[in-house]
Structures are given as C-alpha cells and as structure tokens.
Amino acid sequence: MTLQTIADNSAVFTDESFDDVDIISLANKGISRINNECGTLFPYYKGMNDSYNAFPDDWQLDLVSNYISYGIKMNDSSLTEANMYLDDFYKVLSSFKDKLGTLVENYEKGNESNGI
C-alpha cells in the first residue's frame, strides 16, 4: 500500500487535504505511536508513492488513515472530529495488538499479505 492511497482515504473522510510533507509527518507520528504501544519497530514512510509492506494493507488503512485524519482535524481546530478519529485509532490499535501474534505467525508461514 502507498501512503498516497491512505492520504486519499483520509481526505474523503475529513474533506480536507494537506501537502505531502505534512501527511508524511502525521503518518510517521502514527507509526511511532503504533511502535510504542505494540513494542514493534515498523519503519517510517519515506514517500507518498513508495510501497509500504511492513504490515498488512487493511491494518495500515485502519490505523494510519485514522491517525492522519486526527492530525488534520486537530490542525483546523475541529476537536470533536479529531477526538473521534483518535478514539477510533486506539480501538483499532487495541485489536491490532490482540492479533499481533497471529500476524507474525502468518508471516513466518509465508503468508506475507496477512502477516508482519
């Protein structure tokens, strides 16, 4: 999945768009939160159109899109909407943490599209 795909998803939900530098910064802050909460070492996004395969696309879309949307809404002072995205980020993150062992097992068994 590319960060551009994730950013496009966030733009649909937030009705906002940001420049690439800001999107990359928000996405990497989200990755940092994921790493800190899960004890993982996922790499940061480098560019908008680089393929990122550190964890499955569905999880990237759910987690990183929510975090980008949170940051966008915080930036325009829409605190109620921002908190909605942050709450959803943490709900999805909790589920991600619960399934982390299975994702690692899938990867070790050769199922890279459903594993990390």
N, C-alpha and C. Protein backbone atom coordinates (compact mmCIF):
# COMPACT_ATOMS: atom_id res chain seq x y z
N MET A 1 0.86 -1.17 0.00
CA MET A 1 0.00 0.00 0.00
C MET A 1 0.90 1.23 0.00
N THR A 2 0.40 2.30 -0.59
CA THR A 2 1.15 3.55 -0.59
C THR A 2 0.51 4.54 0.38
N LEU A 3 1.32 5.44 0.85
CA LEU A 3 0.81 6.49 1.73
C LEU A 3 -0.17 7.39 0.98
N GLN A 4 0.02 7.53 -0.33
CA GLN A 4 -0.92 8.33 -1.12
C GLN A 4 -2.33 7.74 -1.04
N THR A 5 -2.44 6.42 -1.11
CA THR A 5 -3.74 5.75 -1.00
C THR A 5 -4.37 6.03 0.35
N ILE A 6 -3.58 5.95 1.40
CA ILE A 6 -4.07 6.21 2.75
C ILE A 6 -4.49 7.67 2.89
N ALA A 7 -3.67 8.58 2.37
CA ALA A 7 -3.98 10.02 2.45
C ALA A 7 -5.26 10.34 1.68
N ASP A 8 -5.44 9.71 0.52
CA ASP A 8 -6.67 9.92 -0.26
C ASP A 8 -7.88 9.47 0.54
N ASN A 9 -7.75 8.36 1.26
CA ASN A 9 -8.83 7.88 2.11
C ASN A 9 -9.15 8.89 3.20
N SER A 10 -8.13 9.42 3.84
CA SER A 10 -8.34 10.42 4.89
C SER A 10 -9.00 11.67 4.34
N ALA A 11 -8.61 12.08 3.14
CA ALA A 11 -9.19 13.29 2.53
C ALA A 11 -10.69 13.13 2.29
N VAL A 12 -11.12 11.92 1.94
CA VAL A 12 -12.55 11.66 1.74
C VAL A 12 -13.30 11.87 3.04
N PHE A 13 -12.77 11.35 4.13
CA PHE A 13 -13.47 11.43 5.42
C PHE A 13 -13.38 12.81 6.06
N THR A 14 -12.26 13.48 5.90
CA THR A 14 -12.08 14.77 6.58
C THR A 14 -12.52 15.95 5.72
N ASP A 15 -12.68 15.73 4.43
CA ASP A 15 -13.00 16.79 3.48
C ASP A 15 -11.90 17.86 3.50
N GLU A 16 -10.68 17.42 3.71
CA GLU A 16 -9.51 18.30 3.78
C GLU A 16 -8.37 17.63 3.01
N SER A 17 -7.42 18.42 2.59
CA SER A 17 -6.21 17.86 2.02
C SER A 17 -5.02 18.66 2.53
N PHE A 18 -3.90 17.98 2.64
CA PHE A 18 -2.68 18.59 3.16
C PHE A 18 -1.55 18.31 2.20
N ASP A 19 -0.46 19.05 2.34
CA ASP A 19 0.68 18.78 1.46
C ASP A 19 1.38 17.50 1.91
N ASP A 20 2.17 16.97 1.00
CA ASP A 20 2.82 15.68 1.22
C ASP A 20 3.70 15.67 2.46
N VAL A 21 4.43 16.73 2.72
CA VAL A 21 5.33 16.78 3.88
C VAL A 21 4.54 16.62 5.17
N ASP A 22 3.39 17.30 5.27
CA ASP A 22 2.56 17.18 6.47
C ASP A 22 1.96 15.79 6.61
N ILE A 23 1.51 15.21 5.49
CA ILE A 23 0.93 13.85 5.53
C ILE A 23 1.99 12.85 5.99
N ILE A 24 3.19 12.94 5.44
CA ILE A 24 4.26 12.02 5.84
C ILE A 24 4.57 12.17 7.32
N SER A 25 4.62 13.41 7.79
CA SER A 25 4.89 13.66 9.20
C SER A 25 3.79 13.06 10.10
N LEU A 26 2.53 13.27 9.74
CA LEU A 26 1.43 12.71 10.53
C LEU A 26 1.44 11.18 10.50
N ALA A 27 1.67 10.61 9.32
CA ALA A 27 1.70 9.16 9.20
C ALA A 27 2.82 8.57 10.05
N ASN A 28 3.98 9.20 10.03
CA ASN A 28 5.11 8.68 10.81
C ASN A 28 4.89 8.85 12.31
N LYS A 29 4.17 9.88 12.71
CA LYS A 29 3.79 10.00 14.12
C LYS A 29 2.87 8.85 14.50
N GLY A 30 1.96 8.50 13.60
CA GLY A 30 1.09 7.34 13.83
C GLY A 30 1.89 6.05 13.95
N ILE A 31 2.87 5.87 13.07
CA ILE A 31 3.74 4.68 13.14
C ILE A 31 4.49 4.67 14.47
N SER A 32 4.95 5.82 14.91
CA SER A 32 5.63 5.91 16.19
C SER A 32 4.72 5.48 17.33
N ARG A 33 3.47 5.92 17.31
CA ARG A 33 2.52 5.50 18.34
C ARG A 33 2.29 4.00 18.30
N ILE A 34 2.15 3.45 17.09
CA ILE A 34 1.97 2.00 16.95
C ILE A 34 3.18 1.28 17.54
N ASN A 35 4.37 1.71 17.16
CA ASN A 35 5.60 1.08 17.66
C ASN A 35 5.69 1.15 19.19
N ASN A 36 5.39 2.29 19.74
CA ASN A 36 5.48 2.45 21.20
C ASN A 36 4.44 1.61 21.92
N GLU A 37 3.25 1.54 21.41
CA GLU A 37 2.17 0.79 22.06
C GLU A 37 2.35 -0.73 21.91
N CYS A 38 2.90 -1.14 20.76
CA CYS A 38 2.97 -2.58 20.46
C CYS A 38 4.35 -3.18 20.66
N GLY A 39 5.35 -2.35 20.94
CA GLY A 39 6.70 -2.87 21.07
C GLY A 39 7.25 -3.35 19.74
N THR A 40 6.84 -2.72 18.66
CA THR A 40 7.29 -3.09 17.32
C THR A 40 8.32 -2.08 16.83
N LEU A 41 8.89 -2.38 15.68
CA LEU A 41 9.89 -1.49 15.07
C LEU A 41 9.55 -1.24 13.60
N PHE A 42 8.30 -0.93 13.32
CA PHE A 42 7.92 -0.67 11.94
C PHE A 42 8.66 0.56 11.43
N PRO A 43 9.16 0.49 10.20
CA PRO A 43 9.86 1.65 9.64
C PRO A 43 8.88 2.77 9.30
N TYR A 44 9.42 3.96 9.17
CA TYR A 44 8.61 5.12 8.79
C TYR A 44 8.36 5.11 7.29
N TYR A 45 7.32 5.80 6.90
CA TYR A 45 7.05 6.03 5.49
C TYR A 45 8.11 7.00 4.96
N LYS A 46 8.58 6.75 3.77
CA LYS A 46 9.61 7.60 3.17
C LYS A 46 9.03 8.57 2.15
N GLY A 47 8.03 8.14 1.43
CA GLY A 47 7.43 8.98 0.40
C GLY A 47 5.97 8.61 0.19
N MET A 48 5.28 9.42 -0.54
CA MET A 48 3.85 9.23 -0.74
C MET A 48 3.53 8.03 -1.63
N ASN A 49 4.40 7.73 -2.58
CA ASN A 49 4.10 6.68 -3.56
C ASN A 49 4.98 5.45 -3.44
N ASP A 50 5.75 5.38 -2.36
CA ASP A 50 6.56 4.18 -2.11
C ASP A 50 5.68 3.08 -1.55
N SER A 51 5.89 1.87 -2.01
CA SER A 51 5.14 0.73 -1.48
C SER A 51 5.62 0.45 -0.06
N TYR A 52 4.68 0.30 0.85
CA TYR A 52 4.99 0.06 2.26
C TYR A 52 4.37 -1.28 2.64
N ASN A 53 5.21 -2.23 3.00
CA ASN A 53 4.73 -3.59 3.27
C ASN A 53 5.06 -4.09 4.66
N ALA A 54 5.30 -3.19 5.60
CA ALA A 54 5.71 -3.61 6.94
C ALA A 54 4.60 -4.34 7.68
N PHE A 55 3.35 -4.00 7.38
CA PHE A 55 2.21 -4.73 7.92
C PHE A 55 1.05 -4.64 6.93
N PRO A 56 0.05 -5.53 7.06
CA PRO A 56 -0.97 -5.65 6.03
C PRO A 56 -1.73 -4.35 5.71
N ASP A 57 -2.13 -4.25 4.46
CA ASP A 57 -2.82 -3.06 3.95
C ASP A 57 -4.05 -2.68 4.77
N ASP A 58 -4.87 -3.66 5.13
CA ASP A 58 -6.09 -3.36 5.89
C ASP A 58 -5.76 -2.66 7.20
N TRP A 59 -4.73 -3.13 7.87
CA TRP A 59 -4.33 -2.51 9.13
C TRP A 59 -3.76 -1.12 8.91
N GLN A 60 -2.96 -0.96 7.85
CA GLN A 60 -2.45 0.37 7.54
C GLN A 60 -3.59 1.35 7.31
N LEU A 61 -4.55 0.93 6.52
CA LEU A 61 -5.66 1.81 6.19
C LEU A 61 -6.45 2.18 7.43
N ASP A 62 -6.73 1.20 8.28
CA ASP A 62 -7.49 1.47 9.51
C ASP A 62 -6.71 2.33 10.50
N LEU A 63 -5.46 2.00 10.71
CA LEU A 63 -4.68 2.71 11.72
C LEU A 63 -4.15 4.06 11.23
N VAL A 64 -3.41 4.05 10.16
CA VAL A 64 -2.72 5.26 9.72
C VAL A 64 -3.70 6.30 9.19
N SER A 65 -4.74 5.86 8.48
CA SER A 65 -5.74 6.82 7.99
C SER A 65 -6.42 7.53 9.15
N ASN A 66 -6.75 6.78 10.19
CA ASN A 66 -7.35 7.41 11.37
C ASN A 66 -6.40 8.41 12.02
N TYR A 67 -5.13 8.06 12.08
CA TYR A 67 -4.19 8.98 12.72
C TYR A 67 -3.98 10.24 11.87
N ILE A 68 -3.88 10.07 10.57
CA ILE A 68 -3.76 11.24 9.69
C ILE A 68 -5.01 12.12 9.82
N SER A 69 -6.18 11.50 9.81
CA SER A 69 -7.43 12.25 9.93
C SER A 69 -7.48 13.01 11.26
N TYR A 70 -7.02 12.37 12.31
CA TYR A 70 -6.92 13.03 13.62
C TYR A 70 -6.05 14.28 13.52
N GLY A 71 -4.87 14.14 12.95
CA GLY A 71 -3.95 15.26 12.84
C GLY A 71 -4.51 16.40 11.99
N ILE A 72 -5.16 16.04 10.92
CA ILE A 72 -5.76 17.06 10.05
C ILE A 72 -6.83 17.85 10.80
N LYS A 73 -7.69 17.14 11.51
CA LYS A 73 -8.77 17.81 12.23
C LYS A 73 -8.25 18.59 13.44
N MET A 74 -7.18 18.13 14.06
CA MET A 74 -6.56 18.91 15.13
C MET A 74 -6.02 20.22 14.58
N ASN A 75 -5.44 20.14 13.39
CA ASN A 75 -4.85 21.32 12.77
C ASN A 75 -5.89 22.39 12.45
N ASP A 76 -7.11 21.98 12.11
CA ASP A 76 -8.14 23.00 11.83
C ASP A 76 -9.05 23.24 13.02
N SER A 77 -8.62 22.79 14.19
CA SER A 77 -9.32 23.03 15.47
C SER A 77 -10.71 22.41 15.54
N SER A 78 -10.92 21.35 14.80
CA SER A 78 -12.19 20.60 14.89
C SER A 78 -12.00 19.50 15.92
N LEU A 79 -11.99 19.89 17.19
CA LEU A 79 -11.61 18.98 18.27
C LEU A 79 -12.54 17.79 18.41
N THR A 80 -13.83 17.98 18.23
CA THR A 80 -14.78 16.87 18.35
C THR A 80 -14.49 15.81 17.29
N GLU A 81 -14.30 16.26 16.04
CA GLU A 81 -13.99 15.31 14.97
C GLU A 81 -12.61 14.68 15.20
N ALA A 82 -11.65 15.48 15.62
CA ALA A 82 -10.31 14.96 15.87
C ALA A 82 -10.36 13.85 16.91
N ASN A 83 -11.08 14.08 18.00
CA ASN A 83 -11.18 13.07 19.06
C ASN A 83 -11.88 11.81 18.58
N MET A 84 -12.82 11.95 17.66
CA MET A 84 -13.50 10.78 17.09
C MET A 84 -12.48 9.90 16.34
N TYR A 85 -11.62 10.53 15.54
CA TYR A 85 -10.60 9.77 14.81
C TYR A 85 -9.56 9.16 15.75
N LEU A 86 -9.18 9.90 16.79
CA LEU A 86 -8.21 9.37 17.74
C LEU A 86 -8.79 8.20 18.52
N ASP A 87 -10.05 8.30 18.92
CA ASP A 87 -10.70 7.18 19.60
C ASP A 87 -10.73 5.94 18.72
N ASP A 88 -11.07 6.13 17.44
CA ASP A 88 -11.12 5.01 16.52
C ASP A 88 -9.72 4.43 16.32
N PHE A 89 -8.71 5.29 16.23
CA PHE A 89 -7.33 4.82 16.12
C PHE A 89 -6.99 3.89 17.27
N TYR A 90 -7.31 4.30 18.50
CA TYR A 90 -6.96 3.47 19.66
C TYR A 90 -7.80 2.20 19.74
N LYS A 91 -9.04 2.22 19.27
CA LYS A 91 -9.84 0.99 19.22
C LYS A 91 -9.22 -0.01 18.24
N VAL A 92 -8.85 0.48 17.07
CA VAL A 92 -8.23 -0.39 16.07
C VAL A 92 -6.87 -0.86 16.57
N LEU A 93 -6.11 0.03 17.22
CA LEU A 93 -4.80 -0.34 17.75
C LEU A 93 -4.92 -1.45 18.79
N SER A 94 -5.93 -1.39 19.62
CA SER A 94 -6.16 -2.44 20.61
C SER A 94 -6.40 -3.79 19.92
N SER A 95 -7.19 -3.78 18.88
CA SER A 95 -7.45 -5.00 18.12
C SER A 95 -6.16 -5.49 17.43
N PHE A 96 -5.40 -4.56 16.90
CA PHE A 96 -4.13 -4.89 16.25
C PHE A 96 -3.18 -5.56 17.24
N LYS A 97 -3.08 -5.01 18.43
CA LYS A 97 -2.22 -5.60 19.46
C LYS A 97 -2.67 -7.01 19.81
N ASP A 98 -3.98 -7.22 19.88
CA ASP A 98 -4.51 -8.55 20.20
C ASP A 98 -4.17 -9.57 19.12
N LYS A 99 -4.06 -9.12 17.89
CA LYS A 99 -3.82 -10.03 16.76
C LYS A 99 -2.37 -10.06 16.31
N LEU A 100 -1.51 -9.34 16.99
CA LEU A 100 -0.11 -9.22 16.60
C LEU A 100 0.58 -10.58 16.51
N GLY A 101 0.35 -11.45 17.47
CA GLY A 101 0.97 -12.78 17.44
C GLY A 101 0.56 -13.57 16.21
N THR A 102 -0.71 -13.51 15.86
CA THR A 102 -1.22 -14.21 14.67
C THR A 102 -0.60 -13.63 13.41
N LEU A 103 -0.46 -12.32 13.35
CA LEU A 103 0.14 -11.68 12.18
C LEU A 103 1.58 -12.12 11.99
N VAL A 104 2.31 -12.23 13.08
CA VAL A 104 3.70 -12.70 13.00
C VAL A 104 3.74 -14.16 12.54
N GLU A 105 2.85 -14.98 13.08
CA GLU A 105 2.78 -16.39 12.67
C GLU A 105 2.47 -16.52 11.19
N ASN A 106 1.52 -15.73 10.70
CA ASN A 106 1.17 -15.77 9.28
C ASN A 106 2.38 -15.46 8.40
N TYR A 107 3.12 -14.46 8.79
CA TYR A 107 4.30 -14.07 8.02
C TYR A 107 5.33 -15.20 8.02
N GLU A 108 5.55 -15.78 9.19
CA GLU A 108 6.54 -16.86 9.30
C GLU A 108 6.13 -18.08 8.47
N LYS A 109 4.83 -18.26 8.26
CA LYS A 109 4.34 -19.37 7.45
C LYS A 109 4.31 -19.04 5.96
N GLY A 110 4.77 -17.85 5.60
CA GLY A 110 4.84 -17.46 4.20
C GLY A 110 3.65 -16.65 3.70
N ASN A 111 2.71 -16.36 4.57
CA ASN A 111 1.54 -15.58 4.20
C ASN A 111 1.83 -14.10 4.45
N GLU A 112 2.69 -13.53 3.60
CA GLU A 112 3.16 -12.16 3.82
C GLU A 112 2.08 -11.11 3.71
N SER A 113 1.06 -11.35 2.90
CA SER A 113 0.00 -10.34 2.73
C SER A 113 -0.88 -10.25 3.96
N ASN A 114 -0.87 -11.26 4.82
CA ASN A 114 -1.66 -11.25 6.04
C ASN A 114 -0.80 -11.37 7.28
N GLY A 115 0.43 -10.94 7.17
CA GLY A 115 1.35 -11.07 8.31
C GLY A 115 2.35 -9.94 8.36
N ILE A 116 3.09 -9.94 9.44
CA ILE A 116 4.17 -8.94 9.61
C ILE A 116 5.43 -9.64 10.06
